[in-house]
Amino acid sequence: MESADDASCRYKRLGCEIQFRDQLLIAFLTSRPIRLKNLATLELGRHIMQVDGIFWLRLHADVTKNRKHIEATLTKGLTPYRETYLSPHFPSKLDFRCSDVEILL
């Protein structure tokens, strides 16, 4: 993720922001592997919550393939990157969202 801080994208508008988002998604999946279907439907406040400075992933049994409830903390090392991505100025730069995924992450 440290390479995301140094990203430079001269030729693509929003290239750095997209690269940052994609690297955060990969880091998220590396730390907490979930099915892509579940990843695509994640919503802040519903599946990803911040409690006392710690991000939590919560998926109810009815949305997982094996019908098992998932509740886990997200890697603390990614917290600064998540906060950067979720900061008020960052998401407004992106004109599109593939889903309600706000990440992450």
N, C-alpha and C. Protein backbone atom coordinates (compact mmCIF):
# COMPACT_ATOMS: atom_id res chain seq x y z
N MET A 1 0.82 -1.19 0.00
CA MET A 1 0.00 0.00 0.00
C MET A 1 0.86 1.25 0.00
N GLU A 2 2.08 1.15 0.47
CA GLU A 2 2.92 2.34 0.51
C GLU A 2 3.16 2.92 -0.88
N SER A 3 3.13 2.07 -1.90
CA SER A 3 3.32 2.58 -3.26
C SER A 3 2.15 3.45 -3.69
N ALA A 4 1.01 3.30 -3.05
CA ALA A 4 -0.15 4.13 -3.40
C ALA A 4 0.09 5.59 -3.04
N ASP A 5 0.88 5.83 -2.02
CA ASP A 5 1.18 7.21 -1.63
C ASP A 5 2.02 7.91 -2.68
N ASP A 6 2.82 7.17 -3.40
CA ASP A 6 3.74 7.75 -4.37
C ASP A 6 3.24 7.64 -5.80
N ALA A 7 2.02 7.25 -5.98
CA ALA A 7 1.49 7.02 -7.33
C ALA A 7 1.47 8.32 -8.13
N SER A 8 1.86 8.22 -9.37
CA SER A 8 1.74 9.36 -10.27
C SER A 8 1.17 8.85 -11.59
N CYS A 9 0.12 9.48 -12.03
CA CYS A 9 -0.57 9.05 -13.23
C CYS A 9 -0.74 10.27 -14.12
N ARG A 10 0.18 10.44 -15.02
CA ARG A 10 0.17 11.64 -15.86
C ARG A 10 -0.86 11.58 -16.97
N TYR A 11 -1.21 10.41 -17.42
CA TYR A 11 -2.00 10.30 -18.64
C TYR A 11 -3.48 10.00 -18.43
N LYS A 12 -3.86 9.63 -17.24
CA LYS A 12 -5.26 9.28 -17.00
C LYS A 12 -5.84 10.20 -15.93
N ARG A 13 -6.96 10.82 -16.28
CA ARG A 13 -7.67 11.60 -15.27
C ARG A 13 -8.18 10.62 -14.20
N LEU A 14 -7.97 10.92 -12.98
CA LEU A 14 -8.36 10.08 -11.84
C LEU A 14 -7.57 8.79 -11.74
N GLY A 15 -6.52 8.64 -12.53
CA GLY A 15 -5.74 7.41 -12.51
C GLY A 15 -5.18 7.09 -11.14
N CYS A 16 -4.66 8.09 -10.44
CA CYS A 16 -4.08 7.85 -9.11
C CYS A 16 -5.15 7.41 -8.11
N GLU A 17 -6.31 8.05 -8.17
CA GLU A 17 -7.38 7.69 -7.25
C GLU A 17 -7.88 6.26 -7.51
N ILE A 18 -7.99 5.91 -8.77
CA ILE A 18 -8.42 4.56 -9.12
C ILE A 18 -7.38 3.54 -8.69
N GLN A 19 -6.11 3.85 -8.92
CA GLN A 19 -5.03 2.95 -8.51
C GLN A 19 -5.03 2.80 -6.99
N PHE A 20 -5.23 3.88 -6.26
CA PHE A 20 -5.28 3.84 -4.80
C PHE A 20 -6.42 2.93 -4.34
N ARG A 21 -7.61 3.12 -4.94
CA ARG A 21 -8.78 2.30 -4.60
C ARG A 21 -8.51 0.83 -4.86
N ASP A 22 -7.95 0.53 -6.03
CA ASP A 22 -7.70 -0.85 -6.40
C ASP A 22 -6.68 -1.51 -5.47
N GLN A 23 -5.63 -0.78 -5.11
CA GLN A 23 -4.64 -1.33 -4.19
C GLN A 23 -5.24 -1.57 -2.82
N LEU A 24 -6.14 -0.68 -2.40
CA LEU A 24 -6.80 -0.87 -1.11
C LEU A 24 -7.71 -2.10 -1.14
N LEU A 25 -8.40 -2.32 -2.24
CA LEU A 25 -9.24 -3.51 -2.38
C LEU A 25 -8.41 -4.79 -2.33
N ILE A 26 -7.27 -4.78 -3.00
CA ILE A 26 -6.39 -5.96 -3.00
C ILE A 26 -5.86 -6.22 -1.59
N ALA A 27 -5.45 -5.17 -0.91
CA ALA A 27 -4.95 -5.31 0.46
C ALA A 27 -6.05 -5.82 1.38
N PHE A 28 -7.26 -5.31 1.19
CA PHE A 28 -8.40 -5.77 1.98
C PHE A 28 -8.64 -7.26 1.77
N LEU A 29 -8.67 -7.68 0.50
CA LEU A 29 -8.92 -9.09 0.19
C LEU A 29 -7.79 -10.00 0.68
N THR A 30 -6.58 -9.47 0.71
CA THR A 30 -5.45 -10.24 1.23
C THR A 30 -5.61 -10.47 2.73
N SER A 31 -6.09 -9.47 3.43
CA SER A 31 -6.22 -9.60 4.89
C SER A 31 -7.50 -10.31 5.31
N ARG A 32 -8.58 -10.12 4.57
CA ARG A 32 -9.86 -10.75 4.87
C ARG A 32 -10.49 -11.28 3.58
N PRO A 33 -10.09 -12.47 3.14
CA PRO A 33 -10.63 -13.00 1.88
C PRO A 33 -12.15 -13.23 1.98
N ILE A 34 -12.86 -12.64 1.05
CA ILE A 34 -14.30 -12.89 0.94
C ILE A 34 -14.62 -13.06 -0.54
N ARG A 35 -15.78 -13.60 -0.82
CA ARG A 35 -16.18 -13.80 -2.22
C ARG A 35 -16.40 -12.45 -2.89
N LEU A 36 -16.11 -12.40 -4.18
CA LEU A 36 -16.27 -11.15 -4.92
C LEU A 36 -17.71 -10.66 -4.89
N LYS A 37 -18.66 -11.59 -4.88
CA LYS A 37 -20.06 -11.20 -4.79
C LYS A 37 -20.33 -10.43 -3.51
N ASN A 38 -19.75 -10.88 -2.40
CA ASN A 38 -19.90 -10.18 -1.14
C ASN A 38 -19.16 -8.85 -1.16
N LEU A 39 -17.98 -8.83 -1.75
CA LEU A 39 -17.20 -7.59 -1.85
C LEU A 39 -17.99 -6.53 -2.62
N ALA A 40 -18.61 -6.93 -3.70
CA ALA A 40 -19.33 -5.98 -4.54
C ALA A 40 -20.56 -5.39 -3.87
N THR A 41 -21.06 -6.03 -2.83
CA THR A 41 -22.26 -5.53 -2.17
C THR A 41 -21.99 -4.87 -0.81
N LEU A 42 -20.72 -4.74 -0.43
CA LEU A 42 -20.40 -4.13 0.85
C LEU A 42 -20.89 -2.68 0.90
N GLU A 43 -21.42 -2.30 2.05
CA GLU A 43 -21.87 -0.94 2.28
C GLU A 43 -21.32 -0.44 3.61
N LEU A 44 -20.87 0.80 3.61
CA LEU A 44 -20.43 1.42 4.86
C LEU A 44 -21.62 1.56 5.79
N GLY A 45 -21.37 1.31 7.06
CA GLY A 45 -22.43 1.43 8.04
C GLY A 45 -23.30 0.20 8.16
N ARG A 46 -23.29 -0.62 7.14
CA ARG A 46 -24.06 -1.86 7.17
C ARG A 46 -23.14 -3.07 7.30
N HIS A 47 -22.12 -3.15 6.47
CA HIS A 47 -21.18 -4.27 6.49
C HIS A 47 -19.81 -3.87 7.03
N ILE A 48 -19.45 -2.62 6.84
CA ILE A 48 -18.16 -2.13 7.34
C ILE A 48 -18.45 -0.97 8.28
N MET A 49 -18.02 -1.13 9.53
CA MET A 49 -18.27 -0.12 10.55
C MET A 49 -16.98 0.22 11.28
N GLN A 50 -16.90 1.45 11.74
CA GLN A 50 -15.76 1.86 12.55
C GLN A 50 -16.25 2.05 13.97
N VAL A 51 -15.65 1.28 14.89
CA VAL A 51 -16.02 1.34 16.30
C VAL A 51 -14.74 1.59 17.10
N ASP A 52 -14.71 2.71 17.80
CA ASP A 52 -13.54 3.08 18.60
C ASP A 52 -12.25 3.05 17.79
N GLY A 53 -12.31 3.55 16.57
CA GLY A 53 -11.13 3.63 15.72
C GLY A 53 -10.74 2.34 15.02
N ILE A 54 -11.53 1.29 15.22
CA ILE A 54 -11.24 0.00 14.60
C ILE A 54 -12.34 -0.31 13.59
N PHE A 55 -11.94 -0.69 12.38
CA PHE A 55 -12.91 -1.06 11.35
C PHE A 55 -13.29 -2.53 11.50
N TRP A 56 -14.58 -2.80 11.37
CA TRP A 56 -15.12 -4.15 11.48
C TRP A 56 -15.83 -4.53 10.19
N LEU A 57 -15.70 -5.80 9.85
CA LEU A 57 -16.43 -6.38 8.73
C LEU A 57 -17.49 -7.30 9.33
N ARG A 58 -18.75 -7.08 8.94
CA ARG A 58 -19.84 -7.92 9.43
C ARG A 58 -20.72 -8.33 8.26
N LEU A 59 -20.77 -9.63 8.04
CA LEU A 59 -21.65 -10.19 7.00
C LEU A 59 -22.57 -11.21 7.66
N HIS A 60 -23.86 -11.02 7.48
CA HIS A 60 -24.83 -11.95 8.05
C HIS A 60 -24.81 -13.27 7.29
N ALA A 61 -25.22 -14.32 7.95
CA ALA A 61 -25.19 -15.66 7.38
C ALA A 61 -26.00 -15.77 6.09
N ASP A 62 -27.05 -14.99 5.97
CA ASP A 62 -27.90 -15.11 4.78
C ASP A 62 -27.26 -14.56 3.51
N VAL A 63 -26.13 -13.87 3.61
CA VAL A 63 -25.46 -13.34 2.41
C VAL A 63 -24.16 -14.06 2.08
N THR A 64 -23.78 -15.03 2.90
CA THR A 64 -22.54 -15.78 2.63
C THR A 64 -22.88 -17.13 2.01
N LYS A 65 -21.97 -17.63 1.20
CA LYS A 65 -22.20 -18.89 0.49
C LYS A 65 -22.36 -20.07 1.45
N ASN A 66 -21.53 -20.10 2.50
CA ASN A 66 -21.59 -21.22 3.44
C ASN A 66 -22.58 -21.00 4.58
N ARG A 67 -23.32 -19.89 4.50
CA ARG A 67 -24.34 -19.55 5.49
C ARG A 67 -23.77 -19.38 6.90
N LYS A 68 -22.52 -18.93 6.99
CA LYS A 68 -21.90 -18.66 8.29
C LYS A 68 -21.68 -17.16 8.44
N HIS A 69 -22.03 -16.67 9.61
CA HIS A 69 -21.87 -15.25 9.93
C HIS A 69 -20.38 -14.90 9.97
N ILE A 70 -20.01 -13.79 9.38
CA ILE A 70 -18.61 -13.32 9.42
C ILE A 70 -18.58 -12.02 10.20
N GLU A 71 -17.75 -11.98 11.23
CA GLU A 71 -17.52 -10.76 11.99
C GLU A 71 -16.05 -10.74 12.36
N ALA A 72 -15.33 -9.77 11.81
CA ALA A 72 -13.89 -9.72 12.04
C ALA A 72 -13.39 -8.28 11.96
N THR A 73 -12.33 -8.02 12.70
CA THR A 73 -11.71 -6.70 12.59
C THR A 73 -10.89 -6.65 11.31
N LEU A 74 -10.75 -5.47 10.77
CA LEU A 74 -9.93 -5.29 9.59
C LEU A 74 -8.53 -4.86 10.02
N THR A 75 -7.56 -5.21 9.23
CA THR A 75 -6.16 -4.96 9.54
C THR A 75 -5.92 -3.51 9.93
N LYS A 76 -5.33 -3.29 11.12
CA LYS A 76 -5.06 -1.93 11.59
C LYS A 76 -4.07 -1.20 10.69
N GLY A 77 -3.19 -1.92 10.04
CA GLY A 77 -2.21 -1.30 9.17
C GLY A 77 -2.83 -0.59 7.98
N LEU A 78 -4.05 -0.97 7.63
CA LEU A 78 -4.73 -0.34 6.49
C LEU A 78 -5.61 0.83 6.91
N THR A 79 -5.76 1.06 8.21
CA THR A 79 -6.64 2.12 8.70
C THR A 79 -6.31 3.49 8.12
N PRO A 80 -5.04 3.92 8.08
CA PRO A 80 -4.77 5.25 7.51
C PRO A 80 -5.18 5.34 6.03
N TYR A 81 -5.03 4.26 5.30
CA TYR A 81 -5.39 4.26 3.88
C TYR A 81 -6.91 4.27 3.72
N ARG A 82 -7.62 3.53 4.59
CA ARG A 82 -9.08 3.55 4.55
C ARG A 82 -9.58 4.96 4.86
N GLU A 83 -8.98 5.58 5.88
CA GLU A 83 -9.42 6.92 6.26
C GLU A 83 -9.14 7.93 5.15
N THR A 84 -8.03 7.78 4.44
CA THR A 84 -7.74 8.65 3.30
C THR A 84 -8.80 8.46 2.23
N TYR A 85 -9.11 7.22 1.93
CA TYR A 85 -10.11 6.92 0.89
C TYR A 85 -11.49 7.42 1.29
N LEU A 86 -11.81 7.33 2.56
CA LEU A 86 -13.13 7.73 3.02
C LEU A 86 -13.22 9.21 3.38
N SER A 87 -12.11 9.93 3.30
CA SER A 87 -12.14 11.35 3.64
C SER A 87 -13.07 12.09 2.68
N PRO A 88 -13.64 13.20 3.12
CA PRO A 88 -14.65 13.89 2.30
C PRO A 88 -14.18 14.30 0.91
N HIS A 89 -12.92 14.65 0.75
CA HIS A 89 -12.48 15.11 -0.56
C HIS A 89 -12.14 13.98 -1.53
N PHE A 90 -11.77 12.82 -1.02
CA PHE A 90 -11.32 11.75 -1.91
C PHE A 90 -12.44 11.14 -2.75
N PRO A 91 -13.53 10.64 -2.14
CA PRO A 91 -14.57 10.00 -2.95
C PRO A 91 -15.22 10.94 -3.96
N SER A 92 -15.28 12.23 -3.66
CA SER A 92 -15.94 13.15 -4.59
C SER A 92 -15.16 13.31 -5.88
N LYS A 93 -13.89 12.92 -5.88
CA LYS A 93 -13.09 13.00 -7.10
C LYS A 93 -13.51 11.94 -8.11
N LEU A 94 -14.04 10.83 -7.62
CA LEU A 94 -14.42 9.74 -8.50
C LEU A 94 -15.84 9.97 -9.01
N ASP A 95 -15.99 9.95 -10.32
CA ASP A 95 -17.28 10.21 -10.93
C ASP A 95 -18.17 8.97 -10.98
N PHE A 96 -17.62 7.83 -10.63
CA PHE A 96 -18.39 6.60 -10.78
C PHE A 96 -18.11 5.67 -9.62
N ARG A 97 -19.01 4.76 -9.42
CA ARG A 97 -18.85 3.66 -8.47
C ARG A 97 -19.40 2.42 -9.16
N CYS A 98 -18.69 1.32 -9.04
CA CYS A 98 -19.17 0.07 -9.63
C CYS A 98 -20.31 -0.49 -8.80
N SER A 99 -20.32 -0.17 -7.51
CA SER A 99 -21.37 -0.64 -6.61
C SER A 99 -21.37 0.29 -5.41
N ASP A 100 -21.96 -0.17 -4.35
CA ASP A 100 -21.96 0.62 -3.13
C ASP A 100 -20.69 0.44 -2.32
N VAL A 101 -19.72 -0.28 -2.87
CA VAL A 101 -18.47 -0.50 -2.14
C VAL A 101 -17.83 0.84 -1.90
N GLU A 102 -17.65 1.19 -0.66
CA GLU A 102 -17.01 2.44 -0.29
C GLU A 102 -15.65 2.15 0.32
N ILE A 103 -15.31 0.85 0.51
CA ILE A 103 -14.19 0.31 1.19
C ILE A 103 -13.79 0.98 2.38
N LEU A 104 -13.73 0.26 1.61
CA LEU A 104 -12.88 -0.36 2.30
C LEU A 104 -12.04 -0.13 3.19
N LEU A 105 -12.77 -0.67 2.69
CA LEU A 105 -11.91 -1.04 3.05
C LEU A 105 -11.46 -0.42 3.86
